[in-house]
Amino acid sequence: MPADPNRTLRRLVAVLVVIFVVAALKATKPVTMPLAFALFTVILFWPLYKRLDKHVPTGVALVATLLAVFAVLGAFVGAIWFTVDEVLEGIGRYEQEFASLRASVASFFGAIDGGSGESASLSSDRIVGFAERLASNVWSVLGYLVLVIALFTLAIVEVDRWKQKLRRRFDDPFSADAIGTAAKIAAQVQRFLLVQSFTALLTGVLTGLLCWAMGIDFALLWGLLAFVLNFIPTLGSLVAVVPPVLFALLQYGIGWQAPALLAGLGLIEIVLGAYVDPKLQGRYLELSALVVLVAITFWGWLWGIPGAFIAVPITAAAVLVFKHIPQTEWVARLLTRAEEDEHSLTT
């Protein structure tokens, strides 16, 4: 049976469109990446804005919502500032331990670079150099934050206007269906983001408390690191366990502390990742582990570290869009564990 030339042409055009869109997203990263963050921020704070808008003037509701956004950002930035200050003040105490640990590693694996003991030490010059490199990126981060806030402010006041434009431009059946579908997708993505934020915060708090209870220095740092990395599912959870365990080895040497900390952090990640998070998220957003890793890799390559942080929300939003379109529903089933869950429920 001869192949349909029109079908082959449509597939080729679809592939070319995907390549063009990916290239465009990578080339326009300074704009599209903050826009994506702004849209997800709108989804998160939209219920607060709408509730306030019902009781106070729109301008007051907008200002109050912006203050809530600034409060969240301020708490996060304040925690980072306090943590960096604590690390810079206390890291010098471990200069000798770091040099001894590095010498032990070098003696076990052989001379790594043939460097002297002076280059192996954690000198204050290196700490200052790291702080200067960190400070050099502050302005670019602040620039992105300003753009995100500006886009968020403009987008959140335009939502109702776009609804009105859609109703005026198209007939009622199409506009009502489009608005209803968009509302369902936004509500489900909102639930996903809220649960993700809650589990990341809970993981960070438990990690910090465990490190504090075991006497591990810089407990706030390890808790904050776990909070941030848990926004990258699967991969971030694994990476978050490594630094505090290695530091426990540095602080206490080879003893019971590091294995006990590893067991405790592993238990936290297993309980929250395997039981709490799926129960709160619901089965319809349970992306397969392979899809999560591919999404993190792809968006990390496309937009760098910020892309890795929003890779899963973007993928979840795309899955929800595919789910509500009959022609692409099979893609949503392919990317989730829905069929496995239905099979497990019926057997």
C-alpha atoms as a PDB file:
ATOM      1  CA  MET A   1       0.000   0.000   0.000  1.00  0.00           C
ATOM      2  CA  PRO A   2       1.674   3.263  -1.082  1.00  0.00           C
ATOM      3  CA  ALA A   3       2.359   5.862   1.587  1.00  0.00           C
ATOM      4  CA  ASP A   4       0.224   8.969   1.663  1.00  0.00           C
ATOM      5  CA  PRO A   5       2.462  11.827   0.418  1.00  0.00           C
ATOM      6  CA  ASN A   6       0.349  14.418   2.228  1.00  0.00           C
ATOM      7  CA  ARG A   7       0.716  12.556   5.522  1.00  0.00           C
ATOM      8  CA  THR A   8       4.477  12.326   5.054  1.00  0.00           C
ATOM      9  CA  LEU A   9       4.625  16.037   4.265  1.00  0.00           C
ATOM     10  CA  ARG A  10       2.632  16.894   7.389  1.00  0.00           C
ATOM     11  CA  ARG A  11       4.996  14.852   9.534  1.00  0.00           C
ATOM     12  CA  LEU A  12       8.009  16.556   7.985  1.00  0.00           C
ATOM     13  CA  VAL A  13       6.472  19.979   8.564  1.00  0.00           C
ATOM     14  CA  ALA A  14       5.726  19.029  12.190  1.00  0.00           C
ATOM     15  CA  VAL A  15       9.351  17.996  12.750  1.00  0.00           C
ATOM     16  CA  LEU A  16      10.607  21.235  11.204  1.00  0.00           C
ATOM     17  CA  VAL A  17       8.223  23.281  13.365  1.00  0.00           C
ATOM     18  CA  VAL A  18       9.452  21.545  16.527  1.00  0.00           C
ATOM     19  CA  ILE A  19      13.085  22.201  15.575  1.00  0.00           C
ATOM     20  CA  PHE A  20      12.279  25.845  14.852  1.00  0.00           C
ATOM     21  CA  VAL A  21      10.442  26.293  18.162  1.00  0.00           C
ATOM     22  CA  VAL A  22      13.304  24.729  20.147  1.00  0.00           C
ATOM     23  CA  ALA A  23      15.858  26.943  18.377  1.00  0.00           C
ATOM     24  CA  ALA A  24      13.678  30.004  18.985  1.00  0.00           C
ATOM     25  CA  LEU A  25      13.308  29.206  22.700  1.00  0.00           C
ATOM     26  CA  LYS A  26      17.057  28.796  23.082  1.00  0.00           C
ATOM     27  CA  ALA A  27      17.817  32.003  21.171  1.00  0.00           C
ATOM     28  CA  THR A  28      15.235  34.019  23.129  1.00  0.00           C
ATOM     29  CA  LYS A  29      16.180  32.686  26.576  1.00  0.00           C
ATOM     30  CA  PRO A  30      16.604  36.186  28.146  1.00  0.00           C
ATOM     31  CA  VAL A  31      12.891  36.808  27.492  1.00  0.00           C
ATOM     32  CA  THR A  32      11.121  33.450  27.259  1.00  0.00           C
ATOM     33  CA  MET A  33      12.671  31.992  30.410  1.00  0.00           C
ATOM     34  CA  PRO A  34      11.550  34.894  32.687  1.00  0.00           C
ATOM     35  CA  LEU A  35       8.184  34.787  30.936  1.00  0.00           C
ATOM     36  CA  ALA A  36       7.766  31.125  31.874  1.00  0.00           C
ATOM     37  CA  PHE A  37       8.646  31.898  35.496  1.00  0.00           C
ATOM     38  CA  ALA A  38       6.203  34.819  35.459  1.00  0.00           C
ATOM     39  CA  LEU A  39       3.367  32.665  34.123  1.00  0.00           C
ATOM     40  CA  PHE A  40       3.904  30.005  36.771  1.00  0.00           C
ATOM     41  CA  THR A  41       4.022  32.758  39.414  1.00  0.00           C
ATOM     42  CA  VAL A  42       0.684  34.052  38.110  1.00  0.00           C
ATOM     43  CA  ILE A  43      -0.784  30.556  38.440  1.00  0.00           C
ATOM     44  CA  LEU A  44       0.495  30.282  42.019  1.00  0.00           C
ATOM     45  CA  PHE A  45      -0.775  33.673  43.220  1.00  0.00           C
ATOM     46  CA  TRP A  46      -3.926  33.909  41.089  1.00  0.00           C
ATOM     47  CA  PRO A  47      -6.283  32.585  43.844  1.00  0.00           C
ATOM     48  CA  LEU A  48      -4.973  35.206  46.281  1.00  0.00           C
ATOM     49  CA  TYR A  49      -5.408  37.983  43.726  1.00  0.00           C
ATOM     50  CA  LYS A  50      -8.961  36.934  42.803  1.00  0.00           C
ATOM     51  CA  ARG A  51     -10.035  36.634  46.439  1.00  0.00           C
ATOM     52  CA  LEU A  52      -8.672  40.083  47.230  1.00  0.00           C
ATOM     53  CA  ASP A  53     -10.168  41.540  44.059  1.00  0.00           C
ATOM     54  CA  LYS A  54     -13.656  40.555  45.229  1.00  0.00           C
ATOM     55  CA  HIS A  55     -13.389  42.622  48.417  1.00  0.00           C
ATOM     56  CA  VAL A  56     -11.064  45.532  47.604  1.00  0.00           C
ATOM     57  CA  PRO A  57     -10.330  47.650  44.503  1.00  0.00           C
ATOM     58  CA  THR A  58      -8.261  46.009  41.770  1.00  0.00           C
ATOM     59  CA  GLY A  59      -5.252  48.240  42.382  1.00  0.00           C
ATOM     60  CA  VAL A  60      -5.198  47.385  46.074  1.00  0.00           C
ATOM     61  CA  ALA A  61      -5.519  43.676  45.285  1.00  0.00           C
ATOM     62  CA  LEU A  62      -2.613  43.924  42.838  1.00  0.00           C
ATOM     63  CA  VAL A  63      -0.402  45.720  45.361  1.00  0.00           C
ATOM     64  CA  ALA A  64      -1.240  43.210  48.092  1.00  0.00           C
ATOM     65  CA  THR A  65      -0.453  40.310  45.754  1.00  0.00           C
ATOM     66  CA  LEU A  66       2.859  41.896  44.783  1.00  0.00           C
ATOM     67  CA  LEU A  67       3.688  42.343  48.464  1.00  0.00           C
ATOM     68  CA  ALA A  68       3.003  38.639  48.994  1.00  0.00           C
ATOM     69  CA  VAL A  69       5.355  37.784  46.121  1.00  0.00           C
ATOM     70  CA  PHE A  70       8.026  40.090  47.548  1.00  0.00           C
ATOM     71  CA  ALA A  71       7.554  38.534  50.992  1.00  0.00           C
ATOM     72  CA  VAL A  72       8.218  35.053  49.619  1.00  0.00           C
ATOM     73  CA  LEU A  73      11.223  36.250  47.622  1.00  0.00           C
ATOM     74  CA  GLY A  74      12.488  38.255  50.590  1.00  0.00           C
ATOM     75  CA  ALA A  75      12.311  35.265  52.906  1.00  0.00           C
ATOM     76  CA  PHE A  76      14.208  33.139  50.384  1.00  0.00           C
ATOM     77  CA  VAL A  77      16.871  35.786  49.699  1.00  0.00           C
ATOM     78  CA  GLY A  78      17.200  36.489  53.431  1.00  0.00           C
ATOM     79  CA  ALA A  79      17.789  32.806  54.125  1.00  0.00           C
ATOM     80  CA  ILE A  80      20.462  32.711  51.423  1.00  0.00           C
ATOM     81  CA  TRP A  81      22.116  35.864  52.790  1.00  0.00           C
ATOM     82  CA  PHE A  82      22.161  34.526  56.348  1.00  0.00           C
ATOM     83  CA  THR A  83      23.483  31.160  55.167  1.00  0.00           C
ATOM     84  CA  VAL A  84      26.290  32.666  53.090  1.00  0.00           C
ATOM     85  CA  ASP A  85      27.297  34.891  56.002  1.00  0.00           C
ATOM     86  CA  GLU A  86      27.344  31.909  58.352  1.00  0.00           C
ATOM     87  CA  VAL A  87      29.428  29.830  55.946  1.00  0.00           C
ATOM     88  CA  LEU A  88      31.953  32.601  55.316  1.00  0.00           C
ATOM     89  CA  GLU A  89      32.411  33.071  59.068  1.00  0.00           C
ATOM     90  CA  GLY A  90      32.715  29.393  59.969  1.00  0.00           C
ATOM     91  CA  ILE A  91      34.352  27.673  57.012  1.00  0.00           C
ATOM     92  CA  GLY A  92      37.823  28.744  58.094  1.00  0.00           C
ATOM     93  CA  ARG A  93      37.615  26.352  61.041  1.00  0.00           C
ATOM     94  CA  TYR A  94      37.754  23.431  58.630  1.00  0.00           C
ATOM     95  CA  GLU A  95      40.812  24.473  56.653  1.00  0.00           C
ATOM     96  CA  GLN A  96      43.017  21.888  58.331  1.00  0.00           C
ATOM     97  CA  GLU A  97      40.393  19.143  58.085  1.00  0.00           C
ATOM     98  CA  PHE A  98      39.874  19.850  54.395  1.00  0.00           C
ATOM     99  CA  ALA A  99      43.595  19.699  53.688  1.00  0.00           C
ATOM    100  CA  SER A 100      43.909  16.443  55.639  1.00  0.00           C
ATOM    101  CA  LEU A 101      40.946  14.911  53.812  1.00  0.00           C
ATOM    102  CA  ARG A 102      42.296  15.916  50.430  1.00  0.00           C
ATOM    103  CA  ALA A 103      45.710  14.509  51.327  1.00  0.00           C
ATOM    104  CA  SER A 104      44.089  11.206  52.306  1.00  0.00           C
ATOM    105  CA  VAL A 105      42.202  11.050  49.022  1.00  0.00           C
ATOM    106  CA  ALA A 106      45.363  11.893  47.090  1.00  0.00           C
ATOM    107  CA  SER A 107      47.340   9.194  48.886  1.00  0.00           C
ATOM    108  CA  PHE A 108      44.618   6.633  48.158  1.00  0.00           C
ATOM    109  CA  PHE A 109      44.216   7.409  44.460  1.00  0.00           C
ATOM    110  CA  GLY A 110      47.736   8.670  43.886  1.00  0.00           C
ATOM    111  CA  ALA A 111      48.900  12.184  43.256  1.00  0.00           C
ATOM    112  CA  ILE A 112      46.046  13.987  41.577  1.00  0.00           C
ATOM    113  CA  ASP A 113      47.845  17.041  40.329  1.00  0.00           C
ATOM    114  CA  GLY A 114      51.155  16.978  42.164  1.00  0.00           C
ATOM    115  CA  GLY A 115      50.194  20.214  43.911  1.00  0.00           C
ATOM    116  CA  SER A 116      51.747  21.383  47.131  1.00  0.00           C
ATOM    117  CA  GLY A 117      50.065  21.450  50.482  1.00  0.00           C
ATOM    118  CA  GLU A 118      49.517  25.161  50.090  1.00  0.00           C
ATOM    119  CA  SER A 119      47.391  24.671  46.967  1.00  0.00           C
ATOM    120  CA  ALA A 120      45.476  21.878  48.684  1.00  0.00           C
ATOM    121  CA  SER A 121      44.384  24.012  51.589  1.00  0.00           C
ATOM    122  CA  LEU A 122      41.087  25.797  51.724  1.00  0.00           C
ATOM    123  CA  SER A 123      42.653  29.237  51.904  1.00  0.00           C
ATOM    124  CA  SER A 124      40.804  32.429  52.635  1.00  0.00           C
ATOM    125  CA  ASP A 125      41.828  33.681  49.185  1.00  0.00           C
ATOM    126  CA  ARG A 126      39.823  30.904  47.575  1.00  0.00           C
ATOM    127  CA  ILE A 127      36.828  31.718  49.732  1.00  0.00           C
ATOM    128  CA  VAL A 128      37.054  35.380  48.789  1.00  0.00           C
ATOM    129  CA  GLY A 129      37.444  34.441  45.130  1.00  0.00           C
ATOM    130  CA  PHE A 130      34.356  32.283  45.292  1.00  0.00           C
ATOM    131  CA  ALA A 131      32.417  35.080  46.973  1.00  0.00           C
ATOM    132  CA  GLU A 132      33.500  37.516  44.264  1.00  0.00           C
ATOM    133  CA  ARG A 133      32.407  35.142  41.507  1.00  0.00           C
ATOM    134  CA  LEU A 134      29.108  34.672  43.293  1.00  0.00           C
ATOM    135  CA  ALA A 135      28.634  38.415  43.618  1.00  0.00           C
ATOM    136  CA  SER A 136      29.375  38.905  39.904  1.00  0.00           C
ATOM    137  CA  ASN A 137      26.241  36.906  39.071  1.00  0.00           C
ATOM    138  CA  VAL A 138      24.004  38.813  41.475  1.00  0.00           C
ATOM    139  CA  TRP A 139      23.255  41.598  39.013  1.00  0.00           C
ATOM    140  CA  SER A 140      22.150  39.210  36.280  1.00  0.00           C
ATOM    141  CA  VAL A 141      19.908  37.368  38.732  1.00  0.00           C
ATOM    142  CA  LEU A 142      18.433  40.654  39.924  1.00  0.00           C
ATOM    143  CA  GLY A 143      17.816  41.630  36.313  1.00  0.00           C
ATOM    144  CA  TYR A 144      15.896  38.410  35.711  1.00  0.00           C
ATOM    145  CA  LEU A 145      13.903  38.941  38.912  1.00  0.00           C
ATOM    146  CA  VAL A 146      12.935  42.468  37.883  1.00  0.00           C
ATOM    147  CA  LEU A 147      11.789  41.184  34.488  1.00  0.00           C
ATOM    148  CA  VAL A 148       9.822  38.340  36.102  1.00  0.00           C
ATOM    149  CA  ILE A 149       8.064  40.756  38.469  1.00  0.00           C
ATOM    150  CA  ALA A 150       7.255  43.146  35.611  1.00  0.00           C
ATOM    151  CA  LEU A 151       5.848  40.346  33.450  1.00  0.00           C
ATOM    152  CA  PHE A 152       3.938  38.954  36.416  1.00  0.00           C
ATOM    153  CA  THR A 153       2.342  42.339  37.136  1.00  0.00           C
ATOM    154  CA  LEU A 154       1.266  42.812  33.535  1.00  0.00           C
ATOM    155  CA  ALA A 155       0.066  39.236  33.084  1.00  0.00           C
ATOM    156  CA  ILE A 156      -2.042  38.916  36.217  1.00  0.00           C
ATOM    157  CA  VAL A 157      -4.170  41.969  35.362  1.00  0.00           C
ATOM    158  CA  GLU A 158      -4.629  40.797  31.769  1.00  0.00           C
ATOM    159  CA  VAL A 159      -6.170  37.413  32.534  1.00  0.00           C
ATOM    160  CA  ASP A 160      -9.750  38.671  32.876  1.00  0.00           C
ATOM    161  CA  ARG A 161      -9.312  40.956  29.860  1.00  0.00           C
ATOM    162  CA  TRP A 162      -8.192  38.053  27.703  1.00  0.00           C
ATOM    163  CA  LYS A 163     -11.234  36.077  28.820  1.00  0.00           C
ATOM    164  CA  GLN A 164     -13.477  38.939  27.694  1.00  0.00           C
ATOM    165  CA  LYS A 165     -11.627  39.254  24.387  1.00  0.00           C
ATOM    166  CA  LEU A 166     -11.974  35.517  23.774  1.00  0.00           C
ATOM    167  CA  ARG A 167     -15.717  35.644  24.451  1.00  0.00           C
ATOM    168  CA  ARG A 168     -16.175  38.624  22.115  1.00  0.00           C
ATOM    169  CA  ARG A 169     -14.003  37.223  19.342  1.00  0.00           C
ATOM    170  CA  PHE A 170     -15.376  33.677  19.157  1.00  0.00           C
ATOM    171  CA  ASP A 171     -18.760  32.061  19.457  1.00  0.00           C
ATOM    172  CA  ASP A 172     -19.963  30.858  22.830  1.00  0.00           C
ATOM    173  CA  PRO A 173     -19.386  27.077  22.413  1.00  0.00           C
ATOM    174  CA  PHE A 174     -15.753  27.497  21.387  1.00  0.00           C
ATOM    175  CA  SER A 175     -14.893  30.290  23.826  1.00  0.00           C
ATOM    176  CA  ALA A 176     -16.610  28.576  26.767  1.00  0.00           C
ATOM    177  CA  ASP A 177     -14.810  25.303  26.051  1.00  0.00           C
ATOM    178  CA  ALA A 178     -11.435  27.044  25.630  1.00  0.00           C
ATOM    179  CA  ILE A 179     -11.842  29.061  28.847  1.00  0.00           C
ATOM    180  CA  GLY A 180     -13.049  26.005  30.777  1.00  0.00           C
ATOM    181  CA  THR A 181     -10.158  23.874  29.556  1.00  0.00           C
ATOM    182  CA  ALA A 182      -7.625  26.606  30.376  1.00  0.00           C
ATOM    183  CA  ALA A 183      -9.113  26.972  33.866  1.00  0.00           C
ATOM    184  CA  LYS A 184      -8.879  23.221  34.505  1.00  0.00           C
ATOM    185  CA  ILE A 185      -5.276  23.114  33.310  1.00  0.00           C
ATOM    186  CA  ALA A 186      -4.358  26.162  35.413  1.00  0.00           C
ATOM    187  CA  ALA A 187      -5.989  24.642  38.508  1.00  0.00           C
ATOM    188  CA  GLN A 188      -4.135  21.343  38.091  1.00  0.00           C
ATOM    189  CA  VAL A 189      -0.799  23.046  37.423  1.00  0.00           C
ATOM    190  CA  GLN A 190      -1.460  25.250  40.450  1.00  0.00           C
ATOM    191  CA  ARG A 191      -1.991  22.159  42.588  1.00  0.00           C
ATOM    192  CA  PHE A 192       1.185  20.653  41.194  1.00  0.00           C
ATOM    193  CA  LEU A 193       3.237  23.773  42.002  1.00  0.00           C
ATOM    194  CA  LEU A 194       1.765  24.145  45.494  1.00  0.00           C
ATOM    195  CA  VAL A 195       2.414  20.511  46.370  1.00  0.00           C
ATOM    196  CA  GLN A 196       5.904  20.708  44.901  1.00  0.00           C
ATOM    197  CA  SER A 197       6.644  23.799  46.987  1.00  0.00           C
ATOM    198  CA  PHE A 198       5.173  22.201  50.124  1.00  0.00           C
ATOM    199  CA  THR A 199       7.144  18.963  49.813  1.00  0.00           C
ATOM    200  CA  ALA A 200      10.348  20.874  49.005  1.00  0.00           C
ATOM    201  CA  LEU A 201       9.833  23.091  52.062  1.00  0.00           C
ATOM    202  CA  LEU A 202       9.068  20.088  54.262  1.00  0.00           C
ATOM    203  CA  THR A 203      12.157  18.284  52.976  1.00  0.00           C
ATOM    204  CA  GLY A 204      14.316  21.333  53.658  1.00  0.00           C
ATOM    205  CA  VAL A 205      12.975  21.782  57.184  1.00  0.00           C
ATOM    206  CA  LEU A 206      13.404  18.103  58.081  1.00  0.00           C
ATOM    207  CA  THR A 207      16.903  18.046  56.580  1.00  0.00           C
ATOM    208  CA  GLY A 208      17.945  21.138  58.523  1.00  0.00           C
ATOM    209  CA  LEU A 209      16.466  19.830  61.775  1.00  0.00           C
ATOM    210  CA  LEU A 210      18.172  16.444  61.372  1.00  0.00           C
ATOM    211  CA  CYS A 211      21.543  18.069  60.712  1.00  0.00           C
ATOM    212  CA  TRP A 212      21.042  20.396  63.686  1.00  0.00           C
ATOM    213  CA  ALA A 213      20.043  17.517  65.972  1.00  0.00           C
ATOM    214  CA  MET A 214      23.152  15.562  64.964  1.00  0.00           C
ATOM    215  CA  GLY A 215      25.412  18.548  65.501  1.00  0.00           C
ATOM    216  CA  ILE A 216      26.322  19.003  61.840  1.00  0.00           C
ATOM    217  CA  ASP A 217      27.502  22.549  61.261  1.00  0.00           C
ATOM    218  CA  PHE A 218      25.731  24.811  58.739  1.00  0.00           C
ATOM    219  CA  ALA A 219      22.414  23.007  59.227  1.00  0.00           C
ATOM    220  CA  LEU A 220      20.566  25.945  57.637  1.00  0.00           C
ATOM    221  CA  LEU A 221      22.717  25.599  54.525  1.00  0.00           C
ATOM    222  CA  TRP A 222      21.900  21.910  54.104  1.00  0.00           C
ATOM    223  CA  GLY A 223      18.210  22.545  54.696  1.00  0.00           C
ATOM    224  CA  LEU A 224      18.151  25.397  52.185  1.00  0.00           C
ATOM    225  CA  LEU A 225      20.064  23.298  49.664  1.00  0.00           C
ATOM    226  CA  ALA A 226      17.587  20.429  50.067  1.00  0.00           C
ATOM    227  CA  PHE A 227      14.673  22.856  49.639  1.00  0.00           C
ATOM    228  CA  VAL A 228      16.066  24.281  46.396  1.00  0.00           C
ATOM    229  CA  LEU A 229      17.195  20.985  44.879  1.00  0.00           C
ATOM    230  CA  ASN A 230      13.886  19.260  45.584  1.00  0.00           C
ATOM    231  CA  PHE A 231      12.293  21.466  42.949  1.00  0.00           C
ATOM    232  CA  ILE A 232      14.221  19.195  40.562  1.00  0.00           C
ATOM    233  CA  PRO A 233      12.459  15.859  41.165  1.00  0.00           C
ATOM    234  CA  THR A 234      14.403  12.589  41.347  1.00  0.00           C
ATOM    235  CA  LEU A 235      17.795  14.018  40.395  1.00  0.00           C
ATOM    236  CA  GLY A 236      17.664  16.918  42.848  1.00  0.00           C
ATOM    237  CA  SER A 237      16.621  14.643  45.710  1.00  0.00           C
ATOM    238  CA  LEU A 238      19.652  12.429  45.131  1.00  0.00           C
ATOM    239  CA  VAL A 239      22.069  15.342  44.820  1.00  0.00           C
ATOM    240  CA  ALA A 240      20.721  17.024  47.987  1.00  0.00           C
ATOM    241  CA  VAL A 241      21.821  14.091  50.157  1.00  0.00           C
ATOM    242  CA  VAL A 242      25.472  14.138  49.105  1.00  0.00           C
ATOM    243  CA  PRO A 243      26.856  17.494  50.411  1.00  0.00           C
ATOM    244  CA  PRO A 244      25.750  17.177  54.072  1.00  0.00           C
ATOM    245  CA  VAL A 245      26.983  13.581  54.251  1.00  0.00           C
ATOM    246  CA  LEU A 246      30.377  14.559  52.834  1.00  0.00           C
ATOM    247  CA  PHE A 247      30.565  17.456  55.270  1.00  0.00           C
ATOM    248  CA  ALA A 248      29.761  15.088  58.137  1.00  0.00           C
ATOM    249  CA  LEU A 249      32.788  13.060  57.073  1.00  0.00           C
ATOM    250  CA  LEU A 250      34.834  16.255  57.043  1.00  0.00           C
ATOM    251  CA  GLN A 251      33.566  17.359  60.463  1.00  0.00           C
ATOM    252  CA  TYR A 252      33.617  14.048  62.354  1.00  0.00           C
ATOM    253  CA  GLY A 253      35.832  11.819  60.230  1.00  0.00           C
ATOM    254  CA  ILE A 254      35.030   8.165  59.680  1.00  0.00           C
ATOM    255  CA  GLY A 255      32.499   7.427  62.406  1.00  0.00           C
ATOM    256  CA  TRP A 256      28.804   6.777  62.931  1.00  0.00           C
ATOM    257  CA  GLN A 257      27.650  10.305  62.134  1.00  0.00           C
ATOM    258  CA  ALA A 258      27.963  10.186  58.344  1.00  0.00           C
ATOM    259  CA  PRO A 259      26.230   6.782  57.896  1.00  0.00           C
ATOM    260  CA  ALA A 260      23.495   7.789  60.335  1.00  0.00           C
ATOM    261  CA  LEU A 261      22.967  11.073  58.505  1.00  0.00           C
ATOM    262  CA  LEU A 262      22.871   9.267  55.157  1.00  0.00           C
ATOM    263  CA  ALA A 263      20.246   6.861  56.497  1.00  0.00           C
ATOM    264  CA  GLY A 264      18.159   9.682  57.964  1.00  0.00           C
ATOM    265  CA  LEU A 265      18.251  11.844  54.835  1.00  0.00           C
ATOM    266  CA  GLY A 266      17.553   8.831  52.647  1.00  0.00           C
ATOM    267  CA  LEU A 267      14.526   7.977  54.782  1.00  0.00           C
ATOM    268  CA  ILE A 268      13.225  11.556  54.457  1.00  0.00           C
ATOM    269  CA  GLU A 269      13.584  11.493  50.676  1.00  0.00           C
ATOM    270  CA  ILE A 270      11.985   8.044  50.352  1.00  0.00           C
ATOM    271  CA  VAL A 271       8.987   8.842  52.559  1.00  0.00           C
ATOM    272  CA  LEU A 272       8.279  12.223  50.988  1.00  0.00           C
ATOM    273  CA  GLY A 273       9.153  11.236  47.424  1.00  0.00           C
ATOM    274  CA  ALA A 274       7.539   7.811  47.288  1.00  0.00           C
ATOM    275  CA  TYR A 275       4.499   8.263  49.544  1.00  0.00           C
ATOM    276  CA  VAL A 276       3.623  11.838  50.556  1.00  0.00           C
ATOM    277  CA  ASP A 277       4.187  13.574  47.216  1.00  0.00           C
ATOM    278  CA  PRO A 278       2.220  11.075  45.051  1.00  0.00           C
ATOM    279  CA  LYS A 279      -0.678  11.101  47.538  1.00  0.00           C
ATOM    280  CA  LEU A 280      -0.904  14.901  47.395  1.00  0.00           C
ATOM    281  CA  GLN A 281      -0.299  15.237  43.674  1.00  0.00           C
ATOM    282  CA  GLY A 282      -2.804  12.662  42.488  1.00  0.00           C
ATOM    283  CA  ARG A 283      -2.228   9.954  39.904  1.00  0.00           C
ATOM    284  CA  TYR A 284      -2.955  12.099  36.863  1.00  0.00           C
ATOM    285  CA  LEU A 285       0.285  14.087  37.276  1.00  0.00           C
ATOM    286  CA  GLU A 286       2.559  11.178  38.164  1.00  0.00           C
ATOM    287  CA  LEU A 287       5.136  11.523  35.412  1.00  0.00           C
ATOM    288  CA  SER A 288       7.357   8.541  34.785  1.00  0.00           C
ATOM    289  CA  ALA A 289      10.904   8.748  36.093  1.00  0.00           C
ATOM    290  CA  LEU A 290      12.342   8.551  32.569  1.00  0.00           C
ATOM    291  CA  VAL A 291      10.163  11.460  31.405  1.00  0.00           C
ATOM    292  CA  VAL A 292      11.276  13.526  34.411  1.00  0.00           C
ATOM    293  CA  LEU A 293      14.969  12.918  33.712  1.00  0.00           C
ATOM    294  CA  VAL A 294      14.548  13.625  29.989  1.00  0.00           C
ATOM    295  CA  ALA A 295      12.612  16.821  30.764  1.00  0.00           C
ATOM    296  CA  ILE A 296      15.262  18.032  33.223  1.00  0.00           C
ATOM    297  CA  THR A 297      18.033  17.260  30.732  1.00  0.00           C
ATOM    298  CA  PHE A 298      16.244  18.934  27.835  1.00  0.00           C
ATOM    299  CA  TRP A 299      15.162  22.124  29.619  1.00  0.00           C
ATOM    300  CA  GLY A 300      18.496  22.306  31.438  1.00  0.00           C
ATOM    301  CA  TRP A 301      20.245  22.239  28.071  1.00  0.00           C
ATOM    302  CA  LEU A 302      17.783  24.778  26.682  1.00  0.00           C
ATOM    303  CA  TRP A 303      17.720  27.341  29.521  1.00  0.00           C
ATOM    304  CA  GLY A 304      20.488  26.250  31.883  1.00  0.00           C
ATOM    305  CA  ILE A 305      19.933  25.739  35.618  1.00  0.00           C
ATOM    306  CA  PRO A 306      16.689  27.811  35.701  1.00  0.00           C
ATOM    307  CA  GLY A 307      15.309  25.566  32.976  1.00  0.00           C
ATOM    308  CA  ALA A 308      16.041  22.484  35.084  1.00  0.00           C
ATOM    309  CA  PHE A 309      14.019  23.968  37.960  1.00  0.00           C
ATOM    310  CA  ILE A 310      10.881  24.539  35.878  1.00  0.00           C
ATOM    311  CA  ALA A 311      11.322  21.515  33.592  1.00  0.00           C
ATOM    312  CA  VAL A 312       8.799  19.374  35.456  1.00  0.00           C
ATOM    313  CA  PRO A 313       6.092  22.105  35.760  1.00  0.00           C
ATOM    314  CA  ILE A 314       6.435  22.831  32.036  1.00  0.00           C
ATOM    315  CA  THR A 315       6.212  19.122  31.209  1.00  0.00           C
ATOM    316  CA  ALA A 316       3.243  18.678  33.543  1.00  0.00           C
ATOM    317  CA  ALA A 317       1.471  21.632  31.920  1.00  0.00           C
ATOM    318  CA  ALA A 318       2.145  20.171  28.470  1.00  0.00           C
ATOM    319  CA  VAL A 319       0.797  16.782  29.578  1.00  0.00           C
ATOM    320  CA  LEU A 320      -2.388  18.442  30.845  1.00  0.00           C
ATOM    321  CA  VAL A 321      -2.794  20.269  27.537  1.00  0.00           C
ATOM    322  CA  PHE A 322      -2.287  17.021  25.607  1.00  0.00           C
ATOM    323  CA  LYS A 323      -4.788  15.301  27.892  1.00  0.00           C
ATOM    324  CA  HIS A 324      -7.551  17.768  27.020  1.00  0.00           C
ATOM    325  CA  ILE A 325      -7.000  17.489  23.250  1.00  0.00           C
ATOM    326  CA  PRO A 326      -8.434  14.266  21.793  1.00  0.00           C
ATOM    327  CA  GLN A 327      -5.809  14.060  19.034  1.00  0.00           C
ATOM    328  CA  THR A 328      -2.918  14.196  21.526  1.00  0.00           C
ATOM    329  CA  GLU A 329      -4.379  12.301  24.473  1.00  0.00           C
ATOM    330  CA  TRP A 330      -2.164   9.328  23.629  1.00  0.00           C
ATOM    331  CA  VAL A 331       0.898  11.522  24.238  1.00  0.00           C
ATOM    332  CA  ALA A 332      -0.331  12.309  27.760  1.00  0.00           C
ATOM    333  CA  ARG A 333      -0.814   8.600  28.473  1.00  0.00           C
ATOM    334  CA  LEU A 334       2.643   7.884  27.117  1.00  0.00           C
ATOM    335  CA  LEU A 335       4.287  10.434  29.416  1.00  0.00           C
ATOM    336  CA  THR A 336       2.471   9.446  32.618  1.00  0.00           C
ATOM    337  CA  ARG A 337       1.886   6.308  34.624  1.00  0.00           C
ATOM    338  CA  ALA A 338      -1.871   6.482  34.203  1.00  0.00           C
ATOM    339  CA  GLU A 339      -2.163   3.135  32.440  1.00  0.00           C
ATOM    340  CA  GLU A 340       0.052   1.395  34.997  1.00  0.00           C
ATOM    341  CA  ASP A 341      -2.032   2.845  37.840  1.00  0.00           C
ATOM    342  CA  GLU A 342      -5.310   1.774  36.237  1.00  0.00           C
ATOM    343  CA  HIS A 343      -3.918  -1.704  35.728  1.00  0.00           C
ATOM    344  CA  SER A 344      -2.734  -1.902  39.344  1.00  0.00           C
ATOM    345  CA  LEU A 345      -6.139  -0.767  40.576  1.00  0.00           C
ATOM    346  CA  THR A 346      -7.987  -3.376  38.568  1.00  0.00           C
ATOM    347  CA  THR A 347      -5.753  -6.332  39.478  1.00  0.00           C
END
